[in-house]
Amino acid sequence: MSRISHIGIEKDYLMLKDYLSNEDELVSFNSCEKSSCDGVNCEVDILFISMDQEESNGIEKLYQLEEKIQNEKLNVIFLTGPIDEYLQVEAYKNGVDEIIELPIGKRLFQHKLESIKKRISCCEKILMNCGIGKLKFNKEKYAVVSAHGEVTLSKREFEILSLLDSNTEKVFTRDEIKERVWGDENIHVRTIDVYIKKLRSVLGDSRIKTMNGIGYKLSK
């Protein structure tokens, strides 16, 4: 069973209520507290955000909810109508894990969601073991390798983790990470925090340390 949360348009909430399988639980986002959970299945929480392009592109919601999403290790999925490529790129750059375009049939939605949940579970199990000891990188596949297998990261996730691993004695500032990974591309500083959050969710909170007022450091 996975706990599913939603914020946004009511019709999307009603769709989720109808489309989710009996094994999933649709809960209020505000009451989605990790401490109230028992069992492994509660480790996978998914937040659906309705993306209304006429009122808001939805990305601002990621900024507003950044701390809660990070603390609860939620995986974010946008529900949206037809969406242009620019907004899709912006959504993924700012921490969205998946975009589902509406309308969508119930059967296809359920298969998409099951695929997402399996991918989340697989990545967490494998990379949690990678978080112990020396990390191994496969640059051709953008993958992190352990004795338990390998998981392919996004290009940005791989580059950030590789940078931190290149010198575990050094604290990398956000500006350094931005320059080394994004170059001259204009990004919001919080984008880096979102990627760090994703890496922590699979490596463990203690592996990437925040040095207050400075930046990030990878522990050995």
N, C-alpha and C. Protein backbone atom coordinates (compact mmCIF):
# COMPACT_ATOMS: atom_id res chain seq x y z
N MET A 1 0.84 -1.20 0.00
CA MET A 1 0.00 0.00 0.00
C MET A 1 0.87 1.25 0.00
N SER A 2 0.52 2.20 -0.83
CA SER A 2 1.22 3.48 -0.86
C SER A 2 0.26 4.58 -0.45
N ARG A 3 0.76 5.55 0.26
CA ARG A 3 -0.06 6.70 0.62
C ARG A 3 0.08 7.76 -0.45
N ILE A 4 -1.04 8.24 -0.94
CA ILE A 4 -1.06 9.21 -2.02
C ILE A 4 -1.68 10.51 -1.48
N SER A 5 -1.01 11.62 -1.75
CA SER A 5 -1.53 12.93 -1.36
C SER A 5 -1.73 13.78 -2.60
N HIS A 6 -2.60 14.78 -2.48
CA HIS A 6 -2.90 15.64 -3.63
C HIS A 6 -3.18 17.06 -3.17
N ILE A 7 -2.71 18.03 -3.94
CA ILE A 7 -3.11 19.42 -3.74
C ILE A 7 -3.46 20.00 -5.11
N GLY A 8 -4.49 20.84 -5.14
CA GLY A 8 -4.83 21.48 -6.39
C GLY A 8 -6.30 21.34 -6.75
N ILE A 9 -6.56 21.08 -8.03
CA ILE A 9 -7.90 21.12 -8.61
C ILE A 9 -8.76 19.96 -8.10
N GLU A 10 -10.00 20.28 -7.73
CA GLU A 10 -10.88 19.27 -7.14
C GLU A 10 -11.18 18.12 -8.09
N LYS A 11 -11.36 18.43 -9.38
CA LYS A 11 -11.68 17.36 -10.33
C LYS A 11 -10.54 16.35 -10.43
N ASP A 12 -9.30 16.80 -10.24
CA ASP A 12 -8.16 15.88 -10.25
C ASP A 12 -8.18 15.00 -9.00
N TYR A 13 -8.58 15.60 -7.88
CA TYR A 13 -8.70 14.83 -6.64
C TYR A 13 -9.75 13.73 -6.79
N LEU A 14 -10.89 14.10 -7.39
CA LEU A 14 -11.97 13.12 -7.59
C LEU A 14 -11.53 12.02 -8.54
N MET A 15 -10.71 12.38 -9.55
CA MET A 15 -10.18 11.37 -10.46
C MET A 15 -9.29 10.40 -9.71
N LEU A 16 -8.39 10.93 -8.87
CA LEU A 16 -7.51 10.07 -8.09
C LEU A 16 -8.32 9.14 -7.19
N LYS A 17 -9.34 9.70 -6.56
CA LYS A 17 -10.18 8.91 -5.67
C LYS A 17 -10.82 7.74 -6.40
N ASP A 18 -11.17 7.96 -7.67
CA ASP A 18 -11.79 6.92 -8.48
C ASP A 18 -10.76 5.97 -9.08
N TYR A 19 -9.60 6.50 -9.47
CA TYR A 19 -8.62 5.72 -10.21
C TYR A 19 -7.68 4.89 -9.35
N LEU A 20 -7.41 5.33 -8.12
CA LEU A 20 -6.45 4.60 -7.29
C LEU A 20 -6.96 3.21 -6.94
N SER A 21 -6.05 2.26 -6.86
CA SER A 21 -6.44 0.90 -6.51
C SER A 21 -6.80 0.81 -5.03
N ASN A 22 -7.43 -0.29 -4.67
CA ASN A 22 -7.82 -0.49 -3.27
C ASN A 22 -6.62 -0.61 -2.35
N GLU A 23 -5.44 -0.89 -2.94
CA GLU A 23 -4.24 -1.06 -2.13
C GLU A 23 -3.61 0.28 -1.74
N ASP A 24 -4.04 1.36 -2.39
CA ASP A 24 -3.49 2.68 -2.10
C ASP A 24 -4.42 3.45 -1.17
N GLU A 25 -3.84 4.39 -0.45
CA GLU A 25 -4.61 5.21 0.48
C GLU A 25 -4.46 6.68 0.10
N LEU A 26 -5.59 7.34 -0.16
CA LEU A 26 -5.58 8.76 -0.48
C LEU A 26 -5.77 9.55 0.80
N VAL A 27 -4.73 10.28 1.18
CA VAL A 27 -4.76 10.97 2.47
C VAL A 27 -4.59 12.47 2.26
N SER A 28 -5.03 13.22 3.26
CA SER A 28 -4.85 14.67 3.25
C SER A 28 -3.37 15.00 3.29
N PHE A 29 -2.92 15.94 2.47
CA PHE A 29 -1.51 16.30 2.45
C PHE A 29 -1.05 16.82 3.79
N ASN A 30 -1.87 17.62 4.45
CA ASN A 30 -1.49 18.22 5.74
C ASN A 30 -1.33 17.18 6.84
N SER A 31 -2.02 16.04 6.70
CA SER A 31 -1.92 15.02 7.75
C SER A 31 -0.94 13.91 7.39
N CYS A 32 -0.18 14.13 6.32
CA CYS A 32 0.75 13.10 5.84
C CYS A 32 2.04 13.14 6.65
N GLU A 33 2.03 12.54 7.81
CA GLU A 33 3.18 12.57 8.72
C GLU A 33 3.84 11.20 8.78
N LYS A 34 5.15 11.18 8.58
CA LYS A 34 5.89 9.92 8.59
C LYS A 34 5.79 9.21 9.95
N SER A 35 5.75 10.00 11.03
CA SER A 35 5.79 9.41 12.35
C SER A 35 4.56 8.56 12.64
N SER A 36 3.47 8.76 11.87
CA SER A 36 2.25 8.02 12.12
C SER A 36 2.21 6.70 11.35
N CYS A 37 3.31 6.37 10.63
CA CYS A 37 3.30 5.20 9.77
C CYS A 37 3.93 3.99 10.43
N ASP A 38 3.44 2.86 10.02
CA ASP A 38 4.02 1.59 10.41
C ASP A 38 4.22 0.76 9.16
N GLY A 39 5.38 0.15 9.02
CA GLY A 39 5.58 -0.75 7.89
C GLY A 39 6.35 -0.14 6.74
N VAL A 40 6.90 -1.01 5.91
CA VAL A 40 7.76 -0.58 4.81
C VAL A 40 7.00 0.22 3.78
N ASN A 41 5.75 -0.13 3.51
CA ASN A 41 5.01 0.50 2.44
C ASN A 41 4.84 2.00 2.63
N CYS A 42 4.87 2.46 3.87
CA CYS A 42 4.71 3.89 4.14
C CYS A 42 5.94 4.68 3.74
N GLU A 43 7.02 4.00 3.39
CA GLU A 43 8.22 4.71 2.98
C GLU A 43 8.04 5.36 1.60
N VAL A 44 7.07 4.90 0.83
CA VAL A 44 6.84 5.45 -0.50
C VAL A 44 5.61 6.34 -0.44
N ASP A 45 5.82 7.65 -0.44
CA ASP A 45 4.74 8.62 -0.45
C ASP A 45 4.82 9.41 -1.74
N ILE A 46 3.68 9.60 -2.37
CA ILE A 46 3.62 10.31 -3.65
C ILE A 46 2.68 11.50 -3.52
N LEU A 47 3.15 12.65 -3.94
CA LEU A 47 2.34 13.87 -3.93
C LEU A 47 1.98 14.24 -5.35
N PHE A 48 0.69 14.26 -5.65
CA PHE A 48 0.20 14.76 -6.93
C PHE A 48 -0.09 16.25 -6.80
N ILE A 49 0.40 17.03 -7.75
CA ILE A 49 0.12 18.47 -7.79
C ILE A 49 -0.59 18.78 -9.10
N SER A 50 -1.78 19.39 -9.01
CA SER A 50 -2.49 19.80 -10.22
C SER A 50 -1.79 21.02 -10.81
N MET A 51 -1.55 20.97 -12.09
CA MET A 51 -0.84 22.05 -12.76
C MET A 51 -1.82 22.77 -13.69
N ASP A 52 -2.35 23.90 -13.24
CA ASP A 52 -3.29 24.70 -14.02
C ASP A 52 -2.52 25.83 -14.68
N GLN A 53 -2.30 25.74 -15.99
CA GLN A 53 -1.47 26.72 -16.68
C GLN A 53 -2.12 28.10 -16.73
N GLU A 54 -3.44 28.16 -16.61
CA GLU A 54 -4.11 29.46 -16.67
C GLU A 54 -3.92 30.25 -15.38
N GLU A 55 -3.88 29.54 -14.26
CA GLU A 55 -3.77 30.22 -12.98
C GLU A 55 -2.34 30.18 -12.44
N SER A 56 -1.69 29.08 -12.60
CA SER A 56 -0.33 28.92 -12.06
C SER A 56 0.33 27.77 -12.78
N ASN A 57 1.63 27.89 -13.02
CA ASN A 57 2.30 26.78 -13.70
C ASN A 57 2.65 25.64 -12.75
N GLY A 58 2.32 25.78 -11.48
CA GLY A 58 2.53 24.70 -10.52
C GLY A 58 3.91 24.65 -9.93
N ILE A 59 4.89 25.24 -10.61
CA ILE A 59 6.27 25.18 -10.13
C ILE A 59 6.42 26.00 -8.84
N GLU A 60 5.65 27.10 -8.74
CA GLU A 60 5.71 27.88 -7.50
C GLU A 60 5.32 27.04 -6.29
N LYS A 61 4.42 26.08 -6.50
CA LYS A 61 4.01 25.21 -5.39
C LYS A 61 5.19 24.39 -4.88
N LEU A 62 6.08 24.02 -5.80
CA LEU A 62 7.27 23.27 -5.36
C LEU A 62 8.12 24.11 -4.43
N TYR A 63 8.27 25.41 -4.74
CA TYR A 63 9.03 26.30 -3.88
C TYR A 63 8.35 26.44 -2.51
N GLN A 64 7.03 26.63 -2.53
CA GLN A 64 6.29 26.83 -1.29
C GLN A 64 6.34 25.60 -0.39
N LEU A 65 6.34 24.42 -1.01
CA LEU A 65 6.26 23.18 -0.24
C LEU A 65 7.61 22.47 -0.11
N GLU A 66 8.68 23.16 -0.50
CA GLU A 66 10.00 22.52 -0.58
C GLU A 66 10.40 21.82 0.71
N GLU A 67 10.26 22.51 1.84
CA GLU A 67 10.71 21.93 3.11
C GLU A 67 9.91 20.69 3.48
N LYS A 68 8.58 20.77 3.30
CA LYS A 68 7.73 19.62 3.64
C LYS A 68 8.02 18.44 2.73
N ILE A 69 8.19 18.71 1.43
CA ILE A 69 8.49 17.65 0.48
C ILE A 69 9.82 17.00 0.82
N GLN A 70 10.80 17.82 1.20
CA GLN A 70 12.13 17.29 1.55
C GLN A 70 12.07 16.48 2.83
N ASN A 71 11.41 17.00 3.85
CA ASN A 71 11.35 16.31 5.14
C ASN A 71 10.65 14.96 5.03
N GLU A 72 9.60 14.89 4.21
CA GLU A 72 8.81 13.67 4.11
C GLU A 72 9.23 12.79 2.93
N LYS A 73 10.26 13.25 2.17
CA LYS A 73 10.79 12.47 1.05
C LYS A 73 9.70 12.07 0.06
N LEU A 74 8.86 13.02 -0.27
CA LEU A 74 7.77 12.76 -1.20
C LEU A 74 8.26 12.77 -2.64
N ASN A 75 7.68 11.93 -3.45
CA ASN A 75 7.92 11.93 -4.88
C ASN A 75 6.78 12.71 -5.53
N VAL A 76 7.12 13.67 -6.38
CA VAL A 76 6.14 14.62 -6.90
C VAL A 76 5.75 14.28 -8.33
N ILE A 77 4.44 14.21 -8.57
CA ILE A 77 3.91 13.98 -9.91
C ILE A 77 2.96 15.11 -10.26
N PHE A 78 3.17 15.72 -11.41
CA PHE A 78 2.26 16.76 -11.90
C PHE A 78 1.13 16.13 -12.70
N LEU A 79 -0.11 16.59 -12.44
CA LEU A 79 -1.27 16.26 -13.25
C LEU A 79 -1.59 17.49 -14.07
N THR A 80 -1.60 17.37 -15.39
CA THR A 80 -1.75 18.55 -16.22
C THR A 80 -2.44 18.22 -17.54
N GLY A 81 -3.01 19.22 -18.14
CA GLY A 81 -3.50 19.09 -19.49
C GLY A 81 -2.32 19.17 -20.44
N PRO A 82 -2.59 19.33 -21.75
CA PRO A 82 -1.48 19.48 -22.70
C PRO A 82 -0.53 20.57 -22.24
N ILE A 83 0.76 20.28 -22.24
CA ILE A 83 1.75 21.18 -21.66
C ILE A 83 2.92 21.36 -22.63
N ASP A 84 3.38 22.59 -22.78
CA ASP A 84 4.46 22.81 -23.74
C ASP A 84 5.79 22.32 -23.17
N GLU A 85 6.75 22.16 -24.07
CA GLU A 85 8.03 21.56 -23.71
C GLU A 85 8.78 22.40 -22.68
N TYR A 86 8.70 23.72 -22.78
CA TYR A 86 9.42 24.58 -21.84
C TYR A 86 8.97 24.33 -20.40
N LEU A 87 7.65 24.27 -20.18
CA LEU A 87 7.16 24.04 -18.82
C LEU A 87 7.49 22.64 -18.34
N GLN A 88 7.49 21.68 -19.25
CA GLN A 88 7.90 20.33 -18.85
C GLN A 88 9.34 20.33 -18.35
N VAL A 89 10.21 20.98 -19.09
CA VAL A 89 11.62 21.05 -18.70
C VAL A 89 11.76 21.75 -17.35
N GLU A 90 11.05 22.88 -17.18
CA GLU A 90 11.12 23.62 -15.92
C GLU A 90 10.63 22.76 -14.75
N ALA A 91 9.58 22.00 -14.99
CA ALA A 91 9.04 21.14 -13.94
C ALA A 91 10.07 20.09 -13.51
N TYR A 92 10.67 19.42 -14.49
CA TYR A 92 11.67 18.39 -14.15
C TYR A 92 12.91 19.01 -13.50
N LYS A 93 13.32 20.19 -13.97
CA LYS A 93 14.48 20.86 -13.39
C LYS A 93 14.25 21.21 -11.93
N ASN A 94 12.99 21.45 -11.57
CA ASN A 94 12.70 21.90 -10.21
C ASN A 94 12.15 20.80 -9.32
N GLY A 95 12.39 19.54 -9.69
CA GLY A 95 12.14 18.46 -8.74
C GLY A 95 10.96 17.57 -9.01
N VAL A 96 10.22 17.78 -10.11
CA VAL A 96 9.11 16.89 -10.42
C VAL A 96 9.66 15.55 -10.90
N ASP A 97 9.09 14.47 -10.40
CA ASP A 97 9.55 13.14 -10.78
C ASP A 97 8.85 12.60 -12.02
N GLU A 98 7.62 13.03 -12.25
CA GLU A 98 6.85 12.52 -13.37
C GLU A 98 5.76 13.51 -13.73
N ILE A 99 5.40 13.54 -15.01
CA ILE A 99 4.28 14.36 -15.49
C ILE A 99 3.27 13.44 -16.16
N ILE A 100 2.02 13.51 -15.72
CA ILE A 100 0.94 12.73 -16.33
C ILE A 100 -0.03 13.70 -16.98
N GLU A 101 -0.18 13.58 -18.29
CA GLU A 101 -1.08 14.47 -19.01
C GLU A 101 -2.51 13.93 -18.99
N LEU A 102 -3.44 14.85 -18.75
CA LEU A 102 -4.86 14.51 -18.69
C LEU A 102 -5.57 15.01 -19.94
N PRO A 103 -6.66 14.38 -20.35
CA PRO A 103 -7.30 13.23 -19.70
C PRO A 103 -6.54 11.94 -19.94
N ILE A 104 -6.74 10.98 -19.05
CA ILE A 104 -6.09 9.69 -19.16
C ILE A 104 -7.06 8.62 -18.68
N GLY A 105 -7.08 7.48 -19.34
CA GLY A 105 -7.96 6.39 -18.94
C GLY A 105 -7.51 5.76 -17.63
N LYS A 106 -8.46 5.16 -16.94
CA LYS A 106 -8.18 4.58 -15.62
C LYS A 106 -7.14 3.47 -15.70
N ARG A 107 -7.26 2.60 -16.68
CA ARG A 107 -6.33 1.47 -16.78
C ARG A 107 -4.91 1.95 -17.05
N LEU A 108 -4.77 2.91 -17.99
CA LEU A 108 -3.43 3.43 -18.30
C LEU A 108 -2.85 4.15 -17.10
N PHE A 109 -3.67 4.94 -16.39
CA PHE A 109 -3.20 5.65 -15.20
C PHE A 109 -2.66 4.67 -14.16
N GLN A 110 -3.41 3.60 -13.91
CA GLN A 110 -2.99 2.64 -12.90
C GLN A 110 -1.68 1.95 -13.29
N HIS A 111 -1.50 1.66 -14.58
CA HIS A 111 -0.25 1.05 -15.02
C HIS A 111 0.91 2.04 -14.89
N LYS A 112 0.68 3.30 -15.22
CA LYS A 112 1.72 4.32 -15.05
C LYS A 112 2.12 4.45 -13.59
N LEU A 113 1.13 4.50 -12.70
CA LEU A 113 1.41 4.67 -11.28
C LEU A 113 2.16 3.47 -10.72
N GLU A 114 1.77 2.26 -11.12
CA GLU A 114 2.48 1.08 -10.65
C GLU A 114 3.92 1.08 -11.13
N SER A 115 4.15 1.52 -12.36
CA SER A 115 5.51 1.60 -12.89
C SER A 115 6.34 2.60 -12.10
N ILE A 116 5.73 3.74 -11.76
CA ILE A 116 6.42 4.76 -10.97
C ILE A 116 6.78 4.23 -9.59
N LYS A 117 5.83 3.53 -8.95
CA LYS A 117 6.07 3.01 -7.60
C LYS A 117 7.17 1.95 -7.60
N LYS A 118 7.19 1.11 -8.63
CA LYS A 118 8.24 0.08 -8.71
C LYS A 118 9.60 0.72 -8.89
N ARG A 119 9.66 1.77 -9.72
CA ARG A 119 10.93 2.46 -9.96
C ARG A 119 11.43 3.12 -8.68
N ILE A 120 10.53 3.75 -7.94
CA ILE A 120 10.89 4.40 -6.68
C ILE A 120 11.43 3.38 -5.69
N SER A 121 10.72 2.27 -5.55
CA SER A 121 11.12 1.23 -4.60
C SER A 121 12.47 0.63 -4.98
N CYS A 122 12.67 0.36 -6.27
CA CYS A 122 13.94 -0.22 -6.74
C CYS A 122 15.10 0.72 -6.47
N CYS A 123 14.92 1.99 -6.81
CA CYS A 123 16.00 2.96 -6.62
C CYS A 123 16.36 3.10 -5.15
N GLU A 124 15.36 3.13 -4.28
CA GLU A 124 15.62 3.31 -2.86
C GLU A 124 16.40 2.14 -2.29
N LYS A 125 16.01 0.93 -2.65
CA LYS A 125 16.66 -0.25 -2.09
C LYS A 125 18.11 -0.37 -2.54
N ILE A 126 18.35 -0.13 -3.84
CA ILE A 126 19.70 -0.29 -4.37
C ILE A 126 20.61 0.84 -3.91
N LEU A 127 20.14 2.09 -4.03
CA LEU A 127 21.01 3.20 -3.69
C LEU A 127 21.22 3.35 -2.18
N MET A 128 20.30 2.80 -1.39
CA MET A 128 20.52 2.84 0.04
C MET A 128 21.76 2.04 0.41
N ASN A 129 21.98 0.95 -0.32
CA ASN A 129 23.20 0.16 -0.12
C ASN A 129 24.41 0.88 -0.71
N CYS A 130 24.19 1.63 -1.79
CA CYS A 130 25.29 2.41 -2.36
C CYS A 130 25.75 3.49 -1.40
N GLY A 131 24.85 3.92 -0.52
CA GLY A 131 25.18 5.00 0.40
C GLY A 131 26.18 4.60 1.47
N ILE A 132 26.50 3.31 1.53
CA ILE A 132 27.47 2.84 2.51
C ILE A 132 28.77 2.52 1.79
N GLY A 133 29.86 3.13 2.25
CA GLY A 133 31.15 2.86 1.63
C GLY A 133 31.39 3.71 0.40
N LYS A 134 32.39 3.33 -0.37
CA LYS A 134 32.80 4.10 -1.54
C LYS A 134 31.80 3.96 -2.67
N LEU A 135 31.47 5.08 -3.29
CA LEU A 135 30.54 5.06 -4.41
C LEU A 135 31.28 4.70 -5.69
N LYS A 136 30.61 3.99 -6.57
CA LYS A 136 31.16 3.64 -7.88
C LYS A 136 30.26 4.24 -8.96
N PHE A 137 30.88 4.84 -9.97
CA PHE A 137 30.12 5.55 -10.99
C PHE A 137 30.34 4.94 -12.36
N ASN A 138 29.25 4.85 -13.12
CA ASN A 138 29.31 4.45 -14.51
C ASN A 138 28.93 5.66 -15.35
N LYS A 139 29.93 6.35 -15.88
CA LYS A 139 29.70 7.61 -16.58
C LYS A 139 28.93 7.45 -17.88
N GLU A 140 29.08 6.29 -18.52
CA GLU A 140 28.39 6.08 -19.79
C GLU A 140 26.88 5.97 -19.59
N LYS A 141 26.47 5.43 -18.44
CA LYS A 141 25.04 5.21 -18.18
C LYS A 141 24.45 6.21 -17.19
N TYR A 142 25.29 7.13 -16.68
CA TYR A 142 24.85 8.00 -15.57
C TYR A 142 24.30 7.16 -14.43
N ALA A 143 25.05 6.15 -14.03
CA ALA A 143 24.58 5.21 -13.02
C ALA A 143 25.52 5.16 -11.83
N VAL A 144 24.93 4.86 -10.68
CA VAL A 144 25.69 4.58 -9.46
C VAL A 144 25.61 3.08 -9.24
N VAL A 145 26.77 2.46 -8.98
CA VAL A 145 26.85 1.01 -8.92
C VAL A 145 27.20 0.54 -7.52
N SER A 146 26.55 -0.53 -7.10
CA SER A 146 26.91 -1.18 -5.83
C SER A 146 26.91 -2.68 -6.04
N ALA A 147 27.23 -3.41 -5.00
CA ALA A 147 27.23 -4.87 -5.10
C ALA A 147 25.83 -5.41 -5.34
N HIS A 148 24.81 -4.57 -5.08
CA HIS A 148 23.42 -5.00 -5.20
C HIS A 148 22.82 -4.63 -6.55
N GLY A 149 23.61 -4.00 -7.43
CA GLY A 149 23.09 -3.61 -8.73
C GLY A 149 23.44 -2.16 -9.03
N GLU A 150 22.79 -1.62 -10.05
CA GLU A 150 23.04 -0.24 -10.42
C GLU A 150 21.73 0.48 -10.70
N VAL A 151 21.75 1.78 -10.46
CA VAL A 151 20.58 2.61 -10.72
C VAL A 151 21.00 3.80 -11.56
N THR A 152 20.26 4.06 -12.62
CA THR A 152 20.55 5.20 -13.47
C THR A 152 19.92 6.46 -12.89
N LEU A 153 20.74 7.50 -12.74
CA LEU A 153 20.27 8.78 -12.24
C LEU A 153 20.00 9.71 -13.42
N SER A 154 19.36 10.84 -13.12
CA SER A 154 19.27 11.87 -14.14
C SER A 154 20.67 12.45 -14.34
N LYS A 155 20.87 13.11 -15.46
CA LYS A 155 22.19 13.68 -15.77
C LYS A 155 22.63 14.65 -14.67
N ARG A 156 21.73 15.52 -14.23
CA ARG A 156 22.08 16.50 -13.19
C ARG A 156 22.39 15.83 -11.87
N GLU A 157 21.57 14.84 -11.47
CA GLU A 157 21.82 14.12 -10.22
C GLU A 157 23.20 13.46 -10.26
N PHE A 158 23.50 12.81 -11.38
CA PHE A 158 24.78 12.13 -11.52
C PHE A 158 25.94 13.11 -11.44
N GLU A 159 25.80 14.25 -12.10
CA GLU A 159 26.89 15.24 -12.12
C GLU A 159 27.11 15.86 -10.75
N ILE A 160 26.03 16.14 -10.03
CA ILE A 160 26.17 16.71 -8.68
C ILE A 160 26.86 15.71 -7.75
N LEU A 161 26.38 14.46 -7.78
CA LEU A 161 26.96 13.45 -6.90
C LEU A 161 28.42 13.19 -7.25
N SER A 162 28.73 13.15 -8.54
CA SER A 162 30.12 12.96 -8.97
C SER A 162 31.00 14.10 -8.49
N LEU A 163 30.48 15.33 -8.56
CA LEU A 163 31.23 16.49 -8.11
C LEU A 163 31.52 16.41 -6.62
N LEU A 164 30.52 16.09 -5.83
CA LEU A 164 30.72 15.99 -4.38
C LEU A 164 31.69 14.87 -4.05
N ASP A 165 31.63 13.78 -4.82
CA ASP A 165 32.51 12.63 -4.58
C ASP A 165 33.95 12.90 -5.01
N SER A 166 34.14 13.89 -5.89
CA SER A 166 35.48 14.17 -6.40
C SER A 166 36.42 14.68 -5.32
N ASN A 167 35.87 15.24 -4.26
CA ASN A 167 36.69 15.73 -3.14
C ASN A 167 35.85 15.72 -1.88
N THR A 168 35.93 14.62 -1.14
CA THR A 168 35.08 14.48 0.05
C THR A 168 35.58 15.32 1.23
N GLU A 169 36.73 15.96 1.06
CA GLU A 169 37.23 16.85 2.10
C GLU A 169 36.73 18.28 1.91
N LYS A 170 36.15 18.55 0.77
CA LYS A 170 35.76 19.91 0.40
C LYS A 170 34.26 20.15 0.59
N VAL A 171 33.91 21.35 1.02
CA VAL A 171 32.52 21.79 1.06
C VAL A 171 32.26 22.59 -0.22
N PHE A 172 31.31 22.13 -1.03
CA PHE A 172 30.99 22.81 -2.28
C PHE A 172 29.84 23.79 -2.04
N THR A 173 30.06 25.04 -2.40
CA THR A 173 29.00 26.04 -2.28
C THR A 173 27.96 25.83 -3.38
N ARG A 174 26.78 26.41 -3.20
CA ARG A 174 25.75 26.33 -4.23
C ARG A 174 26.23 26.97 -5.53
N ASP A 175 26.97 28.07 -5.40
CA ASP A 175 27.48 28.74 -6.60
C ASP A 175 28.46 27.85 -7.35
N GLU A 176 29.30 27.12 -6.61
CA GLU A 176 30.25 26.21 -7.26
C GLU A 176 29.51 25.08 -7.97
N ILE A 177 28.50 24.52 -7.30
CA ILE A 177 27.73 23.44 -7.91
C ILE A 177 27.02 23.94 -9.16
N LYS A 178 26.42 25.13 -9.06
CA LYS A 178 25.73 25.70 -10.22
C LYS A 178 26.68 25.88 -11.39
N GLU A 179 27.86 26.44 -11.12
CA GLU A 179 28.82 26.71 -12.18
C GLU A 179 29.35 25.43 -12.81
N ARG A 180 29.62 24.42 -11.99
CA ARG A 180 30.21 23.18 -12.50
C ARG A 180 29.18 22.30 -13.21
N VAL A 181 27.94 22.34 -12.76
CA VAL A 181 26.92 21.44 -13.32
C VAL A 181 26.06 22.12 -14.37
N TRP A 182 25.66 23.38 -14.11
CA TRP A 182 24.76 24.08 -15.04
C TRP A 182 25.48 25.09 -15.94
N GLY A 183 26.71 25.45 -15.60
CA GLY A 183 27.43 26.43 -16.41
C GLY A 183 26.76 27.79 -16.39
N ASP A 184 26.53 28.35 -17.57
CA ASP A 184 25.92 29.67 -17.67
C ASP A 184 24.40 29.64 -17.64
N GLU A 185 23.83 28.46 -17.54
CA GLU A 185 22.36 28.35 -17.54
C GLU A 185 21.79 29.02 -16.30
N ASN A 186 20.73 29.78 -16.49
CA ASN A 186 20.11 30.52 -15.39
C ASN A 186 19.14 29.62 -14.66
N ILE A 187 19.45 29.27 -13.41
CA ILE A 187 18.55 28.44 -12.61
C ILE A 187 18.33 29.10 -11.25
N HIS A 188 17.21 28.76 -10.62
CA HIS A 188 16.93 29.24 -9.26
C HIS A 188 17.82 28.47 -8.29
N VAL A 189 18.32 29.14 -7.28
CA VAL A 189 19.23 28.49 -6.33
C VAL A 189 18.56 27.31 -5.64
N ARG A 190 17.24 27.36 -5.48
CA ARG A 190 16.54 26.26 -4.82
C ARG A 190 16.55 24.99 -5.65
N THR A 191 16.80 25.12 -6.94
CA THR A 191 16.87 23.95 -7.79
C THR A 191 17.94 22.99 -7.29
N ILE A 192 19.07 23.52 -6.85
CA ILE A 192 20.15 22.68 -6.32
C ILE A 192 19.68 21.95 -5.07
N ASP A 193 18.95 22.64 -4.20
CA ASP A 193 18.44 22.01 -2.98
C ASP A 193 17.50 20.85 -3.30
N VAL A 194 16.70 21.01 -4.36
CA VAL A 194 15.78 19.95 -4.77
C VAL A 194 16.55 18.71 -5.20
N TYR A 195 17.62 18.90 -5.97
CA TYR A 195 18.42 17.76 -6.41
C TYR A 195 19.14 17.09 -5.23
N ILE A 196 19.62 17.89 -4.30
CA ILE A 196 20.26 17.34 -3.09
C ILE A 196 19.26 16.51 -2.31
N LYS A 197 18.02 17.01 -2.24
CA LYS A 197 16.96 16.29 -1.54
C LYS A 197 16.73 14.92 -2.16
N LYS A 198 16.70 14.89 -3.49
CA LYS A 198 16.48 13.62 -4.19
C LYS A 198 17.61 12.64 -3.90
N LEU A 199 18.85 13.13 -3.94
CA LEU A 199 19.99 12.26 -3.69
C LEU A 199 19.99 11.75 -2.25
N ARG A 200 19.60 12.61 -1.31
CA ARG A 200 19.52 12.18 0.09
C ARG A 200 18.45 11.11 0.30
N SER A 201 17.36 11.22 -0.46
CA SER A 201 16.26 10.27 -0.27
C SER A 201 16.67 8.84 -0.60
N VAL A 202 17.72 8.69 -1.43
CA VAL A 202 18.16 7.35 -1.78
C VAL A 202 19.50 6.97 -1.17
N LEU A 203 20.31 7.96 -0.81
CA LEU A 203 21.61 7.68 -0.19
C LEU A 203 21.55 7.70 1.33
N GLY A 204 20.50 8.29 1.88
CA GLY A 204 20.42 8.47 3.32
C GLY A 204 20.74 9.91 3.68
N ASP A 205 20.04 10.43 4.67
CA ASP A 205 20.19 11.83 5.04
C ASP A 205 21.60 12.18 5.50
N SER A 206 22.30 11.21 6.10
CA SER A 206 23.61 11.51 6.69
C SER A 206 24.74 11.53 5.67
N ARG A 207 24.49 11.01 4.47
CA ARG A 207 25.59 10.89 3.50
C ARG A 207 25.99 12.24 2.90
N ILE A 208 25.01 13.08 2.62
CA ILE A 208 25.31 14.43 2.12
C ILE A 208 25.02 15.41 3.24
N LYS A 209 26.06 16.06 3.71
CA LYS A 209 25.93 16.95 4.86
C LYS A 209 25.76 18.40 4.40
N THR A 210 24.88 19.11 5.09
CA THR A 210 24.71 20.55 4.86
C THR A 210 25.61 21.30 5.82
N MET A 211 26.49 22.13 5.29
CA MET A 211 27.33 22.98 6.12
C MET A 211 26.68 24.36 6.11
N ASN A 212 26.04 24.69 7.22
CA ASN A 212 25.23 25.90 7.29
C ASN A 212 25.98 27.15 6.82
N GLY A 213 25.33 27.86 5.90
CA GLY A 213 25.91 29.09 5.40
C GLY A 213 27.01 28.89 4.37
N ILE A 214 27.34 27.64 4.06
CA ILE A 214 28.42 27.38 3.11
C ILE A 214 27.91 26.57 1.92
N GLY A 215 27.56 25.31 2.15
CA GLY A 215 27.11 24.48 1.04
C GLY A 215 26.97 23.03 1.45
N TYR A 216 27.42 22.11 0.58
CA TYR A 216 27.23 20.68 0.80
C TYR A 216 28.54 19.92 0.73
N LYS A 217 28.59 18.81 1.49
CA LYS A 217 29.79 17.98 1.55
C LYS A 217 29.35 16.52 1.60
N LEU A 218 30.06 15.67 0.86
CA LEU A 218 29.77 14.24 0.87
C LEU A 218 30.63 13.56 1.91
N SER A 219 29.99 12.84 2.82
CA SER A 219 30.76 12.13 3.83
C SER A 219 31.28 10.82 3.26
N LYS A 220 32.37 10.33 3.80
CA LYS A 220 33.00 9.10 3.29
C LYS A 220 32.20 7.90 3.72
